[in-house]
N, C-alpha and C. Protein backbone atom coordinates (compact mmCIF):
# COMPACT_ATOMS: atom_id res chain seq x y z
N MET A 1 169.07 44.76 54.96
CA MET A 1 167.87 45.53 55.19
C MET A 1 168.19 47.00 55.47
N ALA A 2 169.25 47.24 56.24
CA ALA A 2 169.64 48.61 56.57
C ALA A 2 170.05 49.39 55.33
N ILE A 3 170.71 48.73 54.40
CA ILE A 3 171.15 49.39 53.18
C ILE A 3 169.95 49.81 52.34
N ILE A 4 168.95 48.94 52.25
CA ILE A 4 167.73 49.26 51.49
C ILE A 4 167.01 50.43 52.14
N THR A 5 166.88 50.42 53.46
CA THR A 5 166.20 51.50 54.18
C THR A 5 166.93 52.83 53.97
N ALA A 6 168.27 52.81 54.08
CA ALA A 6 169.05 54.03 53.87
C ALA A 6 168.86 54.55 52.45
N GLY A 7 168.82 53.66 51.48
CA GLY A 7 168.60 54.05 50.08
C GLY A 7 167.24 54.67 49.88
N ILE A 8 166.23 54.12 50.52
CA ILE A 8 164.87 54.66 50.40
C ILE A 8 164.79 56.04 51.02
N PHE A 9 165.37 56.22 52.22
CA PHE A 9 165.33 57.53 52.87
C PHE A 9 166.10 58.57 52.06
N GLY A 10 167.26 58.17 51.52
CA GLY A 10 168.05 59.09 50.69
C GLY A 10 167.28 59.49 49.46
N TYR A 11 166.62 58.55 48.82
CA TYR A 11 165.83 58.84 47.63
C TYR A 11 164.64 59.73 47.98
N SER A 12 163.99 59.47 49.12
CA SER A 12 162.84 60.27 49.55
C SER A 12 163.25 61.72 49.79
N ARG A 13 164.40 61.95 50.42
CA ARG A 13 164.87 63.31 50.69
C ARG A 13 165.17 64.02 49.38
N SER A 14 165.79 63.33 48.45
CA SER A 14 166.09 63.92 47.14
C SER A 14 164.79 64.27 46.42
N ASN A 15 163.82 63.39 46.46
CA ASN A 15 162.52 63.65 45.85
C ASN A 15 161.83 64.84 46.50
N GLU A 16 161.90 64.91 47.82
CA GLU A 16 161.27 66.02 48.54
C GLU A 16 161.91 67.35 48.13
N ASN A 17 163.24 67.38 48.03
CA ASN A 17 163.93 68.60 47.61
C ASN A 17 163.52 69.01 46.20
N GLN A 18 163.41 68.04 45.29
CA GLN A 18 163.01 68.33 43.91
C GLN A 18 161.56 68.82 43.87
N ASN A 19 160.69 68.20 44.65
CA ASN A 19 159.29 68.61 44.69
C ASN A 19 159.15 70.02 45.27
N ASN A 20 159.95 70.36 46.28
CA ASN A 20 159.92 71.71 46.84
C ASN A 20 160.32 72.75 45.79
N LEU A 21 161.33 72.43 44.99
CA LEU A 21 161.76 73.34 43.93
C LEU A 21 160.67 73.49 42.87
N ASN A 22 160.04 72.40 42.48
CA ASN A 22 158.96 72.45 41.50
C ASN A 22 157.78 73.28 42.02
N ARG A 23 157.42 73.07 43.29
CA ARG A 23 156.31 73.85 43.88
C ARG A 23 156.65 75.33 43.96
N ALA A 24 157.88 75.64 44.32
CA ALA A 24 158.30 77.05 44.41
C ALA A 24 158.24 77.70 43.04
N GLU A 25 158.65 76.98 41.99
CA GLU A 25 158.59 77.53 40.63
C GLU A 25 157.14 77.77 40.21
N GLN A 26 156.28 76.79 40.44
CA GLN A 26 154.87 76.94 40.05
C GLN A 26 154.22 78.08 40.81
N ARG A 27 154.54 78.24 42.08
CA ARG A 27 153.95 79.32 42.88
C ARG A 27 154.44 80.68 42.40
N LEU A 28 155.74 80.79 42.07
CA LEU A 28 156.27 82.06 41.59
C LEU A 28 155.63 82.45 40.25
N VAL A 29 155.48 81.49 39.34
CA VAL A 29 154.83 81.77 38.06
C VAL A 29 153.39 82.21 38.31
N PHE A 30 152.69 81.53 39.21
CA PHE A 30 151.31 81.90 39.55
C PHE A 30 151.26 83.33 40.09
N GLU A 31 152.17 83.68 41.01
CA GLU A 31 152.15 85.01 41.62
C GLU A 31 152.53 86.09 40.62
N LEU A 32 153.43 85.79 39.69
CA LEU A 32 153.75 86.76 38.63
C LEU A 32 152.53 87.01 37.75
N ARG A 33 151.82 85.95 37.42
CA ARG A 33 150.60 86.11 36.60
C ARG A 33 149.53 86.86 37.38
N ARG A 34 149.47 86.61 38.68
CA ARG A 34 148.52 87.34 39.53
C ARG A 34 148.84 88.83 39.54
N ALA A 35 150.13 89.18 39.70
CA ALA A 35 150.53 90.59 39.69
C ALA A 35 150.21 91.22 38.34
N GLU A 36 150.46 90.49 37.27
CA GLU A 36 150.15 91.01 35.93
C GLU A 36 148.65 91.24 35.77
N SER A 37 147.85 90.31 36.26
CA SER A 37 146.40 90.44 36.18
C SER A 37 145.90 91.64 37.00
N LEU A 38 146.46 91.82 38.19
CA LEU A 38 146.09 92.97 39.02
C LEU A 38 146.45 94.28 38.32
N ALA A 39 147.60 94.30 37.63
CA ALA A 39 148.01 95.50 36.90
C ALA A 39 147.07 95.77 35.73
N MET A 40 146.69 94.72 35.01
CA MET A 40 145.84 94.91 33.83
C MET A 40 144.46 95.42 34.22
N SER A 41 144.01 95.06 35.42
CA SER A 41 142.71 95.55 35.88
C SER A 41 142.85 96.84 36.69
N ASN A 42 144.10 97.34 36.83
CA ASN A 42 144.38 98.56 37.58
C ASN A 42 143.79 98.49 39.00
N SER A 43 143.89 97.32 39.61
CA SER A 43 143.34 97.10 40.95
C SER A 43 144.08 97.92 41.99
N LYS A 44 143.36 98.35 42.99
CA LYS A 44 143.95 99.10 44.10
C LYS A 44 144.37 98.13 45.20
N ASN A 45 145.53 98.37 45.76
CA ASN A 45 146.03 97.57 46.88
C ASN A 45 145.30 98.01 48.14
N THR A 46 144.68 97.08 48.84
CA THR A 46 143.92 97.42 50.05
C THR A 46 144.83 97.94 51.16
N ASN A 47 146.14 97.69 51.07
CA ASN A 47 147.08 98.19 52.08
C ASN A 47 147.64 99.57 51.74
N ASP A 48 147.22 100.13 50.61
CA ASP A 48 147.76 101.40 50.13
C ASP A 48 146.69 102.48 50.23
N ASN A 49 147.02 103.59 50.88
CA ASN A 49 146.04 104.67 51.01
C ASN A 49 146.32 105.84 50.06
N LEU A 50 147.29 105.68 49.16
CA LEU A 50 147.60 106.74 48.19
C LEU A 50 146.60 106.72 47.05
N GLU A 51 146.28 107.89 46.56
CA GLU A 51 145.40 107.98 45.40
C GLU A 51 146.25 108.19 44.16
N GLY A 52 145.91 107.52 43.10
CA GLY A 52 146.64 107.67 41.86
C GLY A 52 145.83 107.12 40.71
N LYS A 53 146.17 107.58 39.52
CA LYS A 53 145.44 107.18 38.33
C LYS A 53 145.80 105.76 37.90
N TRP A 54 147.09 105.39 38.05
CA TRP A 54 147.57 104.09 37.61
C TRP A 54 148.31 103.39 38.73
N ILE A 55 148.22 102.08 38.74
CA ILE A 55 148.89 101.29 39.77
C ILE A 55 149.71 100.19 39.09
N ARG A 56 151.01 100.18 39.37
CA ARG A 56 151.88 99.11 38.89
C ARG A 56 151.88 98.00 39.92
N TRP A 57 151.87 96.76 39.45
CA TRP A 57 151.93 95.60 40.34
C TRP A 57 153.13 94.76 39.97
N GLY A 58 153.72 94.11 40.96
CA GLY A 58 154.87 93.28 40.67
C GLY A 58 155.30 92.41 41.83
N ILE A 59 156.52 91.94 41.70
CA ILE A 59 157.15 91.05 42.68
C ILE A 59 158.46 91.70 43.13
N ARG A 60 158.71 91.69 44.44
CA ARG A 60 159.98 92.18 44.97
C ARG A 60 160.60 91.09 45.84
N ILE A 61 161.85 90.73 45.54
CA ILE A 61 162.56 89.74 46.34
C ILE A 61 163.03 90.41 47.62
N ASN A 62 162.81 89.75 48.74
CA ASN A 62 163.26 90.30 50.02
C ASN A 62 164.75 90.05 50.21
N SER A 63 165.38 90.80 51.08
CA SER A 63 166.84 90.81 51.22
C SER A 63 167.42 89.45 51.62
N ASP A 64 166.64 88.59 52.27
CA ASP A 64 167.17 87.28 52.67
C ASP A 64 167.10 86.25 51.54
N ASN A 65 166.49 86.61 50.41
CA ASN A 65 166.34 85.75 49.23
C ASN A 65 165.53 84.48 49.49
N THR A 66 164.81 84.41 50.60
CA THR A 66 163.99 83.24 50.90
C THR A 66 162.51 83.57 50.90
N SER A 67 162.16 84.79 50.49
CA SER A 67 160.76 85.19 50.40
C SER A 67 160.65 86.34 49.41
N TYR A 68 159.43 86.60 48.97
CA TYR A 68 159.18 87.71 48.07
C TYR A 68 157.80 88.28 48.36
N ASP A 69 157.60 89.53 47.96
CA ASP A 69 156.34 90.23 48.20
C ASP A 69 155.63 90.48 46.88
N ILE A 70 154.30 90.41 46.94
CA ILE A 70 153.45 90.95 45.88
C ILE A 70 153.32 92.42 46.24
N ILE A 71 153.72 93.31 45.33
CA ILE A 71 153.75 94.73 45.66
C ILE A 71 152.99 95.55 44.62
N SER A 72 152.56 96.72 45.07
CA SER A 72 151.96 97.69 44.16
C SER A 72 152.69 99.01 44.35
N GLN A 73 152.65 99.81 43.29
CA GLN A 73 153.22 101.16 43.37
C GLN A 73 152.25 102.09 42.67
N THR A 74 151.71 103.04 43.41
CA THR A 74 150.76 103.99 42.86
C THR A 74 151.50 105.09 42.13
N CYS A 75 151.08 105.34 40.90
CA CYS A 75 151.66 106.43 40.12
C CYS A 75 150.84 107.68 40.37
N ASP A 76 151.47 108.83 40.23
CA ASP A 76 150.73 110.06 40.45
C ASP A 76 149.67 110.27 39.36
N ASN A 77 148.82 111.22 39.55
CA ASN A 77 147.70 111.45 38.63
C ASN A 77 148.13 111.95 37.26
N LYS A 78 149.39 112.36 37.09
CA LYS A 78 149.86 112.85 35.79
C LYS A 78 150.34 111.72 34.89
N ALA A 79 150.56 110.53 35.42
CA ALA A 79 151.07 109.41 34.63
C ALA A 79 150.07 109.04 33.54
N ASP A 80 150.59 108.77 32.36
CA ASP A 80 149.74 108.43 31.21
C ASP A 80 150.33 107.21 30.50
N PRO A 81 150.21 106.02 31.10
CA PRO A 81 150.82 104.83 30.50
C PRO A 81 150.33 104.59 29.08
N GLY A 82 151.28 104.33 28.21
CA GLY A 82 150.94 104.02 26.83
C GLY A 82 150.54 105.22 26.01
N GLY A 83 150.62 106.42 26.58
CA GLY A 83 150.19 107.63 25.88
C GLY A 83 151.17 108.05 24.80
N LEU A 84 150.81 109.06 24.07
CA LEU A 84 151.63 109.56 22.97
C LEU A 84 152.39 110.81 23.40
N GLY A 85 153.43 111.12 22.65
CA GLY A 85 154.14 112.38 22.86
C GLY A 85 155.12 112.33 24.00
N GLY A 86 155.20 113.44 24.74
CA GLY A 86 156.23 113.60 25.75
C GLY A 86 155.86 113.08 27.12
N ASP A 87 154.84 112.25 27.21
CA ASP A 87 154.46 111.75 28.54
C ASP A 87 155.50 110.76 29.05
N ASP A 88 155.27 110.25 30.23
CA ASP A 88 156.26 109.41 30.88
C ASP A 88 156.12 107.93 30.53
N LYS A 89 155.27 107.57 29.62
CA LYS A 89 155.08 106.18 29.18
C LYS A 89 154.86 105.23 30.35
N GLY A 90 154.23 105.72 31.40
CA GLY A 90 153.90 104.86 32.52
C GLY A 90 154.85 104.92 33.67
N ASP A 91 156.01 105.56 33.50
CA ASP A 91 156.89 105.72 34.65
C ASP A 91 156.20 106.67 35.63
N CYS A 92 156.37 106.41 36.88
CA CYS A 92 155.80 107.30 37.88
C CYS A 92 156.67 108.55 37.95
N THR A 93 156.10 109.71 37.67
CA THR A 93 156.88 110.95 37.73
C THR A 93 157.15 111.33 39.18
N SER A 94 156.29 110.90 40.07
CA SER A 94 156.51 111.08 41.49
C SER A 94 156.47 109.68 42.10
N LEU A 95 157.64 109.14 42.39
CA LEU A 95 157.72 107.76 42.84
C LEU A 95 157.17 107.60 44.25
N HIS A 96 156.11 106.86 44.36
CA HIS A 96 155.57 106.51 45.67
C HIS A 96 156.21 105.19 46.09
N PRO A 97 156.46 104.99 47.37
CA PRO A 97 157.10 103.74 47.78
C PRO A 97 156.18 102.55 47.48
N PRO A 98 156.78 101.41 47.09
CA PRO A 98 155.97 100.21 46.87
C PRO A 98 155.30 99.78 48.17
N VAL A 99 154.10 99.22 48.04
CA VAL A 99 153.35 98.74 49.20
C VAL A 99 153.11 97.25 49.02
N SER A 100 153.42 96.48 50.05
CA SER A 100 153.27 95.03 49.99
C SER A 100 151.82 94.61 50.22
N LEU A 101 151.35 93.71 49.39
CA LEU A 101 150.03 93.11 49.59
C LEU A 101 150.17 91.82 50.37
N GLU A 102 151.20 91.04 50.06
CA GLU A 102 151.37 89.73 50.67
C GLU A 102 152.83 89.30 50.54
N THR A 103 153.33 88.57 51.54
CA THR A 103 154.67 87.99 51.50
C THR A 103 154.55 86.49 51.32
N ILE A 104 155.29 85.95 50.37
CA ILE A 104 155.30 84.52 50.10
C ILE A 104 156.66 83.98 50.53
N LYS A 105 156.66 83.02 51.43
CA LYS A 105 157.89 82.40 51.94
C LYS A 105 158.19 81.17 51.10
N LEU A 106 159.42 81.01 50.68
CA LEU A 106 159.84 79.85 49.89
C LEU A 106 160.06 78.65 50.81
N PRO A 107 159.94 77.43 50.26
CA PRO A 107 160.22 76.24 51.07
C PRO A 107 161.67 76.25 51.58
N ALA A 108 161.92 75.54 52.65
CA ALA A 108 163.26 75.49 53.24
C ALA A 108 164.28 75.03 52.21
N GLY A 109 165.41 75.73 52.18
CA GLY A 109 166.50 75.36 51.28
C GLY A 109 166.40 75.96 49.89
N ILE A 110 165.33 76.69 49.57
CA ILE A 110 165.14 77.29 48.25
C ILE A 110 165.45 78.79 48.36
N THR A 111 166.25 79.31 47.44
CA THR A 111 166.53 80.74 47.41
C THR A 111 166.13 81.31 46.04
N LEU A 112 165.90 82.62 46.02
CA LEU A 112 165.42 83.31 44.82
C LEU A 112 166.35 84.48 44.52
N SER A 113 166.71 84.63 43.26
CA SER A 113 167.49 85.79 42.82
C SER A 113 166.95 86.26 41.48
N ALA A 114 167.41 87.40 41.02
CA ALA A 114 166.94 87.95 39.75
C ALA A 114 168.06 88.71 39.07
N ASN A 115 167.99 88.76 37.74
CA ASN A 115 168.96 89.56 36.98
C ASN A 115 168.49 91.00 36.85
N SER A 116 167.33 91.29 37.42
CA SER A 116 166.70 92.61 37.23
C SER A 116 166.72 93.45 38.49
N GLY A 117 167.67 93.22 39.37
CA GLY A 117 167.62 93.89 40.65
C GLY A 117 166.76 93.07 41.57
N SER A 118 165.91 93.72 42.32
CA SER A 118 165.09 92.96 43.26
C SER A 118 163.61 92.96 42.91
N SER A 119 163.21 93.67 41.83
CA SER A 119 161.77 93.71 41.54
C SER A 119 161.49 93.81 40.06
N VAL A 120 160.29 93.38 39.71
CA VAL A 120 159.75 93.52 38.36
C VAL A 120 158.31 93.98 38.51
N TYR A 121 157.88 94.88 37.62
CA TYR A 121 156.53 95.44 37.67
C TYR A 121 155.82 95.24 36.33
N PHE A 122 154.49 95.21 36.42
CA PHE A 122 153.63 95.23 35.23
C PHE A 122 152.74 96.46 35.33
N LEU A 123 152.42 97.05 34.17
CA LEU A 123 151.56 98.22 34.14
C LEU A 123 150.67 98.16 32.92
N ALA A 124 149.40 98.47 33.10
CA ALA A 124 148.44 98.49 31.99
C ALA A 124 148.83 99.61 31.03
N PRO A 125 148.37 99.64 29.82
CA PRO A 125 147.34 98.79 29.24
C PRO A 125 147.86 97.66 28.37
N GLU A 126 149.19 97.53 28.14
CA GLU A 126 149.66 96.61 27.10
C GLU A 126 149.85 95.15 27.46
N PRO A 127 150.41 94.60 28.42
CA PRO A 127 151.05 95.16 29.61
C PRO A 127 152.47 95.64 29.33
N MET A 128 152.90 96.60 30.11
CA MET A 128 154.28 97.05 30.05
C MET A 128 155.02 96.39 31.20
N VAL A 129 156.26 95.98 30.95
CA VAL A 129 157.07 95.29 31.94
C VAL A 129 158.23 96.19 32.33
N TYR A 130 158.50 96.27 33.62
CA TYR A 130 159.58 97.10 34.15
C TYR A 130 160.51 96.27 35.02
N LYS A 131 161.82 96.44 34.80
CA LYS A 131 162.84 95.93 35.72
C LYS A 131 163.14 97.10 36.63
N GLU A 132 162.75 96.98 37.89
CA GLU A 132 162.84 98.11 38.81
C GLU A 132 162.04 99.27 38.22
N HIS A 133 162.73 100.34 37.75
CA HIS A 133 162.02 101.50 37.20
C HIS A 133 162.28 101.70 35.71
N THR A 134 162.87 100.72 35.06
CA THR A 134 163.21 100.83 33.65
C THR A 134 162.32 99.91 32.82
N ARG A 135 161.65 100.49 31.83
CA ARG A 135 160.77 99.70 30.97
C ARG A 135 161.58 98.74 30.10
N VAL A 136 161.10 97.51 29.96
CA VAL A 136 161.71 96.53 29.09
C VAL A 136 161.11 96.74 27.70
N GLU A 137 161.91 97.23 26.78
CA GLU A 137 161.44 97.57 25.44
C GLU A 137 161.38 96.31 24.56
N LEU A 138 160.62 96.40 23.47
CA LEU A 138 160.47 95.26 22.56
C LEU A 138 161.78 94.82 21.93
N ASN A 139 162.72 95.74 21.74
CA ASN A 139 163.99 95.39 21.11
C ASN A 139 165.05 94.96 22.13
N THR A 140 164.64 94.68 23.35
CA THR A 140 165.56 94.24 24.40
C THR A 140 166.10 92.85 24.06
N ALA A 141 167.40 92.66 24.26
CA ALA A 141 168.01 91.34 24.03
C ALA A 141 167.41 90.32 25.00
N VAL A 142 167.24 89.10 24.53
CA VAL A 142 166.64 88.03 25.35
C VAL A 142 167.41 87.88 26.66
N SER A 143 168.72 88.01 26.62
CA SER A 143 169.53 87.86 27.83
C SER A 143 169.25 88.95 28.86
N ASP A 144 168.61 90.05 28.44
CA ASP A 144 168.28 91.14 29.36
C ASP A 144 166.83 91.12 29.83
N PHE A 145 166.03 90.14 29.39
CA PHE A 145 164.66 90.01 29.88
C PHE A 145 164.73 89.77 31.39
N PRO A 146 163.75 90.28 32.15
CA PRO A 146 163.74 89.98 33.59
C PRO A 146 163.68 88.47 33.80
N THR A 147 164.61 87.95 34.59
CA THR A 147 164.68 86.51 34.85
C THR A 147 164.84 86.27 36.34
N PHE A 148 163.99 85.43 36.88
CA PHE A 148 164.08 85.00 38.27
C PHE A 148 164.69 83.61 38.30
N THR A 149 165.59 83.36 39.24
CA THR A 149 166.22 82.06 39.38
C THR A 149 165.95 81.51 40.77
N LEU A 150 165.35 80.32 40.79
CA LEU A 150 165.13 79.58 42.04
C LEU A 150 166.21 78.52 42.14
N LYS A 151 166.84 78.39 43.30
CA LYS A 151 167.91 77.41 43.48
C LYS A 151 167.62 76.58 44.72
N ASN A 152 167.76 75.27 44.55
CA ASN A 152 167.61 74.35 45.67
C ASN A 152 168.98 74.15 46.29
N ASN A 153 169.22 74.73 47.45
CA ASN A 153 170.52 74.64 48.11
C ASN A 153 170.73 73.31 48.83
N ASN A 154 169.69 72.48 48.91
CA ASN A 154 169.80 71.18 49.55
C ASN A 154 170.21 70.08 48.58
N SER A 155 170.31 70.41 47.30
CA SER A 155 170.63 69.42 46.28
C SER A 155 172.02 69.65 45.74
N SER A 156 172.44 68.72 44.91
CA SER A 156 173.72 68.87 44.24
C SER A 156 173.67 70.09 43.32
N SER A 157 174.78 70.48 42.80
CA SER A 157 174.83 71.70 41.99
C SER A 157 174.53 71.44 40.51
N ASP A 158 173.86 70.37 40.19
CA ASP A 158 173.54 70.12 38.78
C ASP A 158 172.36 70.98 38.34
N SER A 159 172.07 70.94 37.06
CA SER A 159 171.05 71.82 36.50
C SER A 159 169.65 71.52 37.00
N SER A 160 169.43 70.33 37.55
CA SER A 160 168.09 69.99 38.04
C SER A 160 167.77 70.71 39.36
N SER A 161 168.77 71.37 39.96
CA SER A 161 168.52 72.08 41.22
C SER A 161 168.27 73.57 41.00
N ILE A 162 168.10 73.97 39.73
CA ILE A 162 167.88 75.38 39.39
C ILE A 162 166.69 75.49 38.44
N ARG A 163 165.84 76.50 38.67
CA ARG A 163 164.72 76.80 37.77
C ARG A 163 164.77 78.29 37.42
N ASN A 164 164.55 78.61 36.15
CA ASN A 164 164.53 80.00 35.69
C ASN A 164 163.14 80.35 35.19
N ILE A 165 162.68 81.53 35.55
CA ILE A 165 161.42 82.07 35.06
C ILE A 165 161.74 83.39 34.38
N GLN A 166 161.37 83.51 33.11
CA GLN A 166 161.70 84.68 32.32
C GLN A 166 160.43 85.40 31.90
N ILE A 167 160.49 86.73 31.86
CA ILE A 167 159.35 87.56 31.47
C ILE A 167 159.74 88.34 30.23
N THR A 168 158.94 88.22 29.18
CA THR A 168 159.22 88.93 27.93
C THR A 168 158.70 90.37 28.01
N PRO A 169 159.11 91.24 27.09
CA PRO A 169 158.65 92.63 27.11
C PRO A 169 157.13 92.77 26.95
N ILE A 170 156.45 91.75 26.40
CA ILE A 170 154.99 91.82 26.24
C ILE A 170 154.27 91.12 27.40
N GLY A 171 155.01 90.74 28.44
CA GLY A 171 154.39 90.19 29.64
C GLY A 171 154.21 88.68 29.65
N GLN A 172 154.74 87.97 28.66
CA GLN A 172 154.64 86.51 28.67
C GLN A 172 155.61 85.97 29.73
N ILE A 173 155.12 85.06 30.57
CA ILE A 173 155.89 84.51 31.67
C ILE A 173 156.23 83.06 31.33
N ASN A 174 157.52 82.75 31.22
CA ASN A 174 157.97 81.42 30.81
C ASN A 174 158.81 80.78 31.92
N GLY A 175 158.40 79.61 32.38
CA GLY A 175 159.18 78.86 33.35
C GLY A 175 159.89 77.71 32.66
N ASP A 176 160.83 77.09 33.38
CA ASP A 176 161.54 75.92 32.84
C ASP A 176 160.62 74.75 32.64
């Protein structure tokens, strides 16, 4: 009887760890889509008192890798995203500090990392995707697309304990 009980508890813990990783992946994909939607509607962050013509929205991983923020960055009034000629193509010519709207804490044992530094942004009208402050161009190699990696540190090191979420240059968000 003790062996059966130990097997059930071991299986339950493994299932719980896997479910936590799945929930963390689904939540991150949801929050990335939320940030993209806020950028496409050029929504203003209620926590930001700066005035600007355009607002970039995105995700920033916090230094402990166990939480991330939904952030906005107001561009100055000279920014002309998607414009023609010598404009800044949506880069903020006067970088205002990012402002957090909300912090999302990951389940226990789950960590988050990215190949794009600590943040990714979306900006209207296309959407345009940025790794930190660099635009992801259409001819970018797939291996250089912004990719977030969630890892379950409570599980074995096999591939089932890792989830990758990739963002294409046109704003498509793909999870495992």
